Amino acid sequence: MNTIYRSGKLKISVYADHAPPHFHVRTPEGDSTVDLQALTVTAGGANRKLLAEAIAWALDNRELLWDEWRKLNGD
């Protein structure tokens, strides 16, 4: 697991994980996964406000997330 971003109670991580490419959002209320291609929530119960913050951050840092996914999981 590589933590890519932290802000307060929000943590964004990329794992050596299964397809499709995604990242994990961890909040005190729960965790969610977000598809890297569409930036849509695919599973979980993270705090909605913090999840929206994570997706907004991901929009601005998509290349970083993709680079980390490829580093850990290959093309």
PDB file of N, CA and C in Angstrom:
ATOM      1  N   MET A   1       0.842  -1.177   0.000  1.00  0.00           N
ATOM      2  CA  MET A   1       0.000   0.000   0.000  1.00  0.00           C
ATOM      3  C   MET A   1       0.884   1.236   0.000  1.00  0.00           C
ATOM      4  N   ASN A   2       0.556   2.156  -0.864  1.00  0.00           N
ATOM      5  CA  ASN A   2       1.257   3.430  -0.900  1.00  0.00           C
ATOM      6  C   ASN A   2       0.248   4.543  -0.637  1.00  0.00           C
ATOM      7  N   THR A   3       0.474   5.273   0.432  1.00  0.00           N
ATOM      8  CA  THR A   3      -0.374   6.428   0.700  1.00  0.00           C
ATOM      9  C   THR A   3       0.104   7.558  -0.193  1.00  0.00           C
ATOM     10  N   ILE A   4      -0.814   8.089  -0.971  1.00  0.00           N
ATOM     11  CA  ILE A   4      -0.514   9.130  -1.944  1.00  0.00           C
ATOM     12  C   ILE A   4      -0.839  10.510  -1.388  1.00  0.00           C
ATOM     13  N   TYR A   5      -1.881  10.585  -0.536  1.00  0.00           N
ATOM     14  CA  TYR A   5      -2.358  11.890  -0.066  1.00  0.00           C
ATOM     15  C   TYR A   5      -3.013  11.722   1.298  1.00  0.00           C
ATOM     16  N   ARG A   6      -2.767  12.684   2.173  1.00  0.00           N
ATOM     17  CA  ARG A   6      -3.435  12.767   3.481  1.00  0.00           C
ATOM     18  C   ARG A   6      -3.874  14.202   3.717  1.00  0.00           C
ATOM     19  N   SER A   7      -5.059  14.330   4.267  1.00  0.00           N
ATOM     20  CA  SER A   7      -5.555  15.645   4.659  1.00  0.00           C
ATOM     21  C   SER A   7      -6.547  15.442   5.790  1.00  0.00           C
ATOM     22  N   GLY A   8      -6.159  15.832   6.977  1.00  0.00           N
ATOM     23  CA  GLY A   8      -7.046  15.646   8.117  1.00  0.00           C
ATOM     24  C   GLY A   8      -7.400  14.185   8.298  1.00  0.00           C
ATOM     25  N   LYS A   9      -8.688  13.871   8.193  1.00  0.00           N
ATOM     26  CA  LYS A   9      -9.177  12.507   8.399  1.00  0.00           C
ATOM     27  C   LYS A   9      -9.286  11.711   7.097  1.00  0.00           C
ATOM     28  N   LEU A  10      -8.748  12.241   6.023  1.00  0.00           N
ATOM     29  CA  LEU A  10      -8.830  11.619   4.702  1.00  0.00           C
ATOM     30  C   LEU A  10      -7.482  11.046   4.296  1.00  0.00           C
ATOM     31  N   LYS A  11      -7.505   9.824   3.755  1.00  0.00           N
ATOM     32  CA  LYS A  11      -6.278   9.202   3.256  1.00  0.00           C
ATOM     33  C   LYS A  11      -6.595   8.528   1.919  1.00  0.00           C
ATOM     34  N   ILE A  12      -5.744   8.777   0.912  1.00  0.00           N
ATOM     35  CA  ILE A  12      -5.872   8.161  -0.403  1.00  0.00           C
ATOM     36  C   ILE A  12      -4.669   7.257  -0.612  1.00  0.00           C
ATOM     37  N   SER A  13      -4.944   6.005  -0.993  1.00  0.00           N
ATOM     38  CA  SER A  13      -3.884   5.015  -1.184  1.00  0.00           C
ATOM     39  C   SER A  13      -4.094   4.241  -2.467  1.00  0.00           C
ATOM     40  N   VAL A  14      -2.983   3.722  -2.998  1.00  0.00           N
ATOM     41  CA  VAL A  14      -2.995   2.807  -4.134  1.00  0.00           C
ATOM     42  C   VAL A  14      -2.293   1.543  -3.676  1.00  0.00           C
ATOM     43  N   TYR A  15      -2.880   0.391  -3.985  1.00  0.00           N
ATOM     44  CA  TYR A  15      -2.321  -0.900  -3.596  1.00  0.00           C
ATOM     45  C   TYR A  15      -1.871  -1.683  -4.825  1.00  0.00           C
ATOM     46  N   ALA A  16      -0.996  -2.655  -4.596  1.00  0.00           N
ATOM     47  CA  ALA A  16      -0.768  -3.704  -5.586  1.00  0.00           C
ATOM     48  C   ALA A  16      -2.022  -4.566  -5.463  1.00  0.00           C
ATOM     49  N   ASP A  17      -2.917  -4.445  -6.419  1.00  0.00           N
ATOM     50  CA  ASP A  17      -4.297  -4.892  -6.231  1.00  0.00           C
ATOM     51  C   ASP A  17      -4.859  -5.468  -7.517  1.00  0.00           C
ATOM     52  N   HIS A  18      -6.102  -5.814  -7.488  1.00  0.00           N
ATOM     53  CA  HIS A  18      -6.821  -6.390  -8.623  1.00  0.00           C
ATOM     54  C   HIS A  18      -7.310  -5.309  -9.578  1.00  0.00           C
ATOM     55  N   ALA A  19      -7.594  -5.713 -10.818  1.00  0.00           N
ATOM     56  CA  ALA A  19      -8.195  -4.808 -11.800  1.00  0.00           C
ATOM     57  C   ALA A  19      -9.684  -4.663 -11.468  1.00  0.00           C
ATOM     58  N   PRO A  20     -10.323  -3.621 -11.945  1.00  0.00           N
ATOM     59  CA  PRO A  20      -9.837  -2.513 -12.749  1.00  0.00           C
ATOM     60  C   PRO A  20      -9.032  -1.530 -11.893  1.00  0.00           C
ATOM     61  N   PRO A  21      -8.233  -0.688 -12.550  1.00  0.00           N
ATOM     62  CA  PRO A  21      -7.433   0.294 -11.807  1.00  0.00           C
ATOM     63  C   PRO A  21      -8.314   1.178 -10.912  1.00  0.00           C
ATOM     64  N   HIS A  22      -7.891   1.325  -9.670  1.00  0.00           N
ATOM     65  CA  HIS A  22      -8.671   2.097  -8.697  1.00  0.00           C
ATOM     66  C   HIS A  22      -7.762   2.567  -7.574  1.00  0.00           C
ATOM     67  N   PHE A  23      -8.297   3.444  -6.745  1.00  0.00           N
ATOM     68  CA  PHE A  23      -7.594   3.848  -5.532  1.00  0.00           C
ATOM     69  C   PHE A  23      -8.555   3.720  -4.357  1.00  0.00           C
ATOM     70  N   HIS A  24      -7.983   3.745  -3.168  1.00  0.00           N
ATOM     71  CA  HIS A  24      -8.751   3.559  -1.940  1.00  0.00           C
ATOM     72  C   HIS A  24      -8.817   4.878  -1.175  1.00  0.00           C
ATOM     73  N   VAL A  25      -9.993   5.171  -0.663  1.00  0.00           N
ATOM     74  CA  VAL A  25     -10.213   6.361   0.162  1.00  0.00           C
ATOM     75  C   VAL A  25     -10.590   5.871   1.554  1.00  0.00           C
ATOM     76  N   ARG A  26      -9.810   6.273   2.548  1.00  0.00           N
ATOM     77  CA  ARG A  26     -10.069   5.861   3.924  1.00  0.00           C
ATOM     78  C   ARG A  26     -10.469   7.085   4.741  1.00  0.00           C
ATOM     79  N   THR A  27     -11.586   6.949   5.448  1.00  0.00           N
ATOM     80  CA  THR A  27     -12.057   7.971   6.375  1.00  0.00           C
ATOM     81  C   THR A  27     -12.431   7.267   7.675  1.00  0.00           C
ATOM     82  N   PRO A  28     -12.611   7.993   8.772  1.00  0.00           N
ATOM     83  CA  PRO A  28     -12.990   7.334  10.026  1.00  0.00           C
ATOM     84  C   PRO A  28     -14.314   6.561   9.920  1.00  0.00           C
ATOM     85  N   GLU A  29     -15.209   6.996   9.038  1.00  0.00           N
ATOM     86  CA  GLU A  29     -16.515   6.352   8.916  1.00  0.00           C
ATOM     87  C   GLU A  29     -16.487   5.105   8.041  1.00  0.00           C
ATOM     88  N   GLY A  30     -15.416   4.915   7.272  1.00  0.00           N
ATOM     89  CA  GLY A  30     -15.324   3.745   6.408  1.00  0.00           C
ATOM     90  C   GLY A  30     -14.389   3.992   5.242  1.00  0.00           C
ATOM     91  N   ASP A  31     -14.278   2.971   4.415  1.00  0.00           N
ATOM     92  CA  ASP A  31     -13.396   3.011   3.251  1.00  0.00           C
ATOM     93  C   ASP A  31     -14.212   2.862   1.977  1.00  0.00           C
ATOM     94  N   SER A  32     -13.698   3.414   0.883  1.00  0.00           N
ATOM     95  CA  SER A  32     -14.323   3.268  -0.432  1.00  0.00           C
ATOM     96  C   SER A  32     -13.238   3.039  -1.467  1.00  0.00           C
ATOM     97  N   THR A  33     -13.636   2.474  -2.597  1.00  0.00           N
ATOM     98  CA  THR A  33     -12.752   2.386  -3.750  1.00  0.00           C
ATOM     99  C   THR A  33     -13.324   3.253  -4.856  1.00  0.00           C
ATOM    100  N   VAL A  34     -12.423   3.866  -5.628  1.00  0.00           N
ATOM    101  CA  VAL A  34     -12.815   4.777  -6.698  1.00  0.00           C
ATOM    102  C   VAL A  34     -12.108   4.336  -7.975  1.00  0.00           C
ATOM    103  N   ASP A  35     -12.879   4.135  -9.035  1.00  0.00           N
ATOM    104  CA  ASP A  35     -12.336   3.745 -10.335  1.00  0.00           C
ATOM    105  C   ASP A  35     -11.473   4.875 -10.882  1.00  0.00           C
ATOM    106  N   LEU A  36     -10.265   4.539 -11.334  1.00  0.00           N
ATOM    107  CA  LEU A  36      -9.344   5.565 -11.839  1.00  0.00           C
ATOM    108  C   LEU A  36      -9.778   6.141 -13.182  1.00  0.00           C
ATOM    109  N   GLN A  37     -10.392   5.336 -14.006  1.00  0.00           N
ATOM    110  CA  GLN A  37     -10.800   5.809 -15.327  1.00  0.00           C
ATOM    111  C   GLN A  37     -11.941   6.820 -15.233  1.00  0.00           C
ATOM    112  N   ALA A  38     -13.004   6.436 -14.543  1.00  0.00           N
ATOM    113  CA  ALA A  38     -14.216   7.259 -14.496  1.00  0.00           C
ATOM    114  C   ALA A  38     -14.293   8.150 -13.259  1.00  0.00           C
ATOM    115  N   LEU A  39     -13.428   7.894 -12.279  1.00  0.00           N
ATOM    116  CA  LEU A  39     -13.482   8.580 -10.981  1.00  0.00           C
ATOM    117  C   LEU A  39     -14.864   8.466 -10.341  1.00  0.00           C
ATOM    118  N   THR A  40     -15.389   7.244 -10.392  1.00  0.00           N
ATOM    119  CA  THR A  40     -16.668   6.936  -9.755  1.00  0.00           C
ATOM    120  C   THR A  40     -16.434   5.953  -8.618  1.00  0.00           C
ATOM    121  N   VAL A  41     -17.251   6.064  -7.592  1.00  0.00           N
ATOM    122  CA  VAL A  41     -17.151   5.171  -6.438  1.00  0.00           C
ATOM    123  C   VAL A  41     -17.672   3.797  -6.844  1.00  0.00           C
ATOM    124  N   THR A  42     -16.886   2.775  -6.583  1.00  0.00           N
ATOM    125  CA  THR A  42     -17.294   1.416  -6.942  1.00  0.00           C
ATOM    126  C   THR A  42     -17.703   0.589  -5.733  1.00  0.00           C
ATOM    127  N   ALA A  43     -17.283   0.993  -4.544  1.00  0.00           N
ATOM    128  CA  ALA A  43     -17.645   0.238  -3.343  1.00  0.00           C
ATOM    129  C   ALA A  43     -17.304   1.041  -2.104  1.00  0.00           C
ATOM    130  N   GLY A  44     -17.973   0.696  -1.005  1.00  0.00           N
ATOM    131  CA  GLY A  44     -17.567   1.214   0.286  1.00  0.00           C
ATOM    132  C   GLY A  44     -18.491   2.228   0.915  1.00  0.00           C
ATOM    133  N   GLY A  45     -18.052   2.699   2.087  1.00  0.00           N
ATOM    134  CA  GLY A  45     -18.880   3.596   2.877  1.00  0.00           C
ATOM    135  C   GLY A  45     -18.120   4.753   3.493  1.00  0.00           C
ATOM    136  N   ALA A  46     -17.190   5.320   2.744  1.00  0.00           N
ATOM    137  CA  ALA A  46     -16.452   6.483   3.248  1.00  0.00           C
ATOM    138  C   ALA A  46     -17.392   7.669   3.431  1.00  0.00           C
ATOM    139  N   ASN A  47     -17.031   8.548   4.315  1.00  0.00           N
ATOM    140  CA  ASN A  47     -17.763   9.788   4.543  1.00  0.00           C
ATOM    141  C   ASN A  47     -17.944  10.530   3.221  1.00  0.00           C
ATOM    142  N   ARG A  48     -19.177  10.891   2.889  1.00  0.00           N
ATOM    143  CA  ARG A  48     -19.482  11.491   1.577  1.00  0.00           C
ATOM    144  C   ARG A  48     -18.742  12.803   1.332  1.00  0.00           C
ATOM    145  N   LYS A  49     -18.656  13.641   2.327  1.00  0.00           N
ATOM    146  CA  LYS A  49     -17.975  14.925   2.159  1.00  0.00           C
ATOM    147  C   LYS A  49     -16.485  14.704   1.891  1.00  0.00           C
ATOM    148  N   LEU A  50     -15.866  13.812   2.658  1.00  0.00           N
ATOM    149  CA  LEU A  50     -14.452  13.526   2.462  1.00  0.00           C
ATOM    150  C   LEU A  50     -14.215  12.773   1.153  1.00  0.00           C
ATOM    151  N   LEU A  51     -15.167  11.937   0.764  1.00  0.00           N
ATOM    152  CA  LEU A  51     -15.065  11.238  -0.513  1.00  0.00           C
ATOM    153  C   LEU A  51     -15.107  12.227  -1.671  1.00  0.00           C
ATOM    154  N   ALA A  52     -15.971  13.222  -1.586  1.00  0.00           N
ATOM    155  CA  ALA A  52     -16.032  14.264  -2.615  1.00  0.00           C
ATOM    156  C   ALA A  52     -14.713  15.035  -2.664  1.00  0.00           C
ATOM    157  N   GLU A  53     -14.127  15.296  -1.502  1.00  0.00           N
ATOM    158  CA  GLU A  53     -12.822  15.969  -1.454  1.00  0.00           C
ATOM    159  C   GLU A  53     -11.749  15.105  -2.129  1.00  0.00           C
ATOM    160  N   ALA A  54     -11.799  13.804  -1.876  1.00  0.00           N
ATOM    161  CA  ALA A  54     -10.829  12.884  -2.471  1.00  0.00           C
ATOM    162  C   ALA A  54     -10.957  12.855  -3.990  1.00  0.00           C
ATOM    163  N   ILE A  55     -12.167  12.825  -4.497  1.00  0.00           N
ATOM    164  CA  ILE A  55     -12.378  12.793  -5.945  1.00  0.00           C
ATOM    165  C   ILE A  55     -11.939  14.111  -6.570  1.00  0.00           C
ATOM    166  N   ALA A  56     -12.200  15.222  -5.916  1.00  0.00           N
ATOM    167  CA  ALA A  56     -11.738  16.523  -6.420  1.00  0.00           C
ATOM    168  C   ALA A  56     -10.211  16.546  -6.475  1.00  0.00           C
ATOM    169  N   TRP A  57      -9.559  16.015  -5.444  1.00  0.00           N
ATOM    170  CA  TRP A  57      -8.100  15.946  -5.441  1.00  0.00           C
ATOM    171  C   TRP A  57      -7.626  15.046  -6.584  1.00  0.00           C
ATOM    172  N   ALA A  58      -8.298  13.919  -6.768  1.00  0.00           N
ATOM    173  CA  ALA A  58      -7.921  12.968  -7.820  1.00  0.00           C
ATOM    174  C   ALA A  58      -8.034  13.592  -9.214  1.00  0.00           C
ATOM    175  N   LEU A  59      -9.020  14.433  -9.420  1.00  0.00           N
ATOM    176  CA  LEU A  59      -9.153  15.121 -10.718  1.00  0.00           C
ATOM    177  C   LEU A  59      -7.904  15.929 -11.038  1.00  0.00           C
ATOM    178  N   ASP A  60      -7.344  16.569 -10.037  1.00  0.00           N
ATOM    179  CA  ASP A  60      -6.145  17.388 -10.230  1.00  0.00           C
ATOM    180  C   ASP A  60      -4.850  16.577 -10.219  1.00  0.00           C
ATOM    181  N   ASN A  61      -4.921  15.322  -9.766  1.00  0.00           N
ATOM    182  CA  ASN A  61      -3.717  14.510  -9.594  1.00  0.00           C
ATOM    183  C   ASN A  61      -3.854  13.137 -10.249  1.00  0.00           C
ATOM    184  N   ARG A  62      -4.642  13.082 -11.284  1.00  0.00           N
ATOM    185  CA  ARG A  62      -4.924  11.813 -11.956  1.00  0.00           C
ATOM    186  C   ARG A  62      -3.644  11.142 -12.469  1.00  0.00           C
ATOM    187  N   GLU A  63      -2.744  11.928 -13.050  1.00  0.00           N
ATOM    188  CA  GLU A  63      -1.509  11.357 -13.594  1.00  0.00           C
ATOM    189  C   GLU A  63      -0.676  10.697 -12.498  1.00  0.00           C
ATOM    190  N   LEU A  64      -0.587  11.317 -11.342  1.00  0.00           N
ATOM    191  CA  LEU A  64       0.129  10.743 -10.206  1.00  0.00           C
ATOM    192  C   LEU A  64      -0.485   9.410  -9.792  1.00  0.00           C
ATOM    193  N   LEU A  65      -1.806   9.352  -9.712  1.00  0.00           N
ATOM    194  CA  LEU A  65      -2.489   8.116  -9.338  1.00  0.00           C
ATOM    195  C   LEU A  65      -2.249   7.012 -10.365  1.00  0.00           C
ATOM    196  N   TRP A  66      -2.341   7.363 -11.657  1.00  0.00           N
ATOM    197  CA  TRP A  66      -2.085   6.378 -12.709  1.00  0.00           C
ATOM    198  C   TRP A  66      -0.641   5.894 -12.658  1.00  0.00           C
ATOM    199  N   ASP A  67       0.307   6.779 -12.451  1.00  0.00           N
ATOM    200  CA  ASP A  67       1.714   6.389 -12.366  1.00  0.00           C
ATOM    201  C   ASP A  67       1.929   5.410 -11.214  1.00  0.00           C
ATOM    202  N   GLU A  68       1.310   5.687 -10.083  1.00  0.00           N
ATOM    203  CA  GLU A  68       1.459   4.808  -8.926  1.00  0.00           C
ATOM    204  C   GLU A  68       0.805   3.454  -9.189  1.00  0.00           C
ATOM    205  N   TRP A  69      -0.377   3.447  -9.808  1.00  0.00           N
ATOM    206  CA  TRP A  69      -1.056   2.191 -10.147  1.00  0.00           C
ATOM    207  C   TRP A  69      -0.154   1.340 -11.051  1.00  0.00           C
ATOM    208  N   ARG A  70       0.387   1.962 -12.090  1.00  0.00           N
ATOM    209  CA  ARG A  70       1.246   1.229 -13.034  1.00  0.00           C
ATOM    210  C   ARG A  70       2.519   0.717 -12.359  1.00  0.00           C
ATOM    211  N   LYS A  71       3.086   1.523 -11.480  1.00  0.00           N
ATOM    212  CA  LYS A  71       4.297   1.105 -10.762  1.00  0.00           C
ATOM    213  C   LYS A  71       4.029  -0.150  -9.937  1.00  0.00           C
ATOM    214  N   LEU A  72       2.876  -0.203  -9.282  1.00  0.00           N
ATOM    215  CA  LEU A  72       2.551  -1.321  -8.405  1.00  0.00           C
ATOM    216  C   LEU A  72       1.911  -2.501  -9.126  1.00  0.00           C
ATOM    217  N   ASN A  73       1.227  -2.247 -10.241  1.00  0.00           N
ATOM    218  CA  ASN A  73       0.413  -3.288 -10.873  1.00  0.00           C
ATOM    219  C   ASN A  73       0.769  -3.565 -12.324  1.00  0.00           C
ATOM    220  N   GLY A  74       1.691  -2.823 -12.892  1.00  0.00           N
ATOM    221  CA  GLY A  74       2.021  -3.002 -14.302  1.00  0.00           C
ATOM    222  C   GLY A  74       1.004  -2.274 -15.171  1.00  0.00           C
ATOM    223  N   ASP A  75       1.208  -2.367 -16.488  1.00  0.00           N
ATOM    224  CA  ASP A  75       0.286  -1.686 -17.403  1.00  0.00           C
ATOM    225  C   ASP A  75      -0.964  -2.474 -17.473  1.00  0.00           C
TER     226      ASP A  75
END
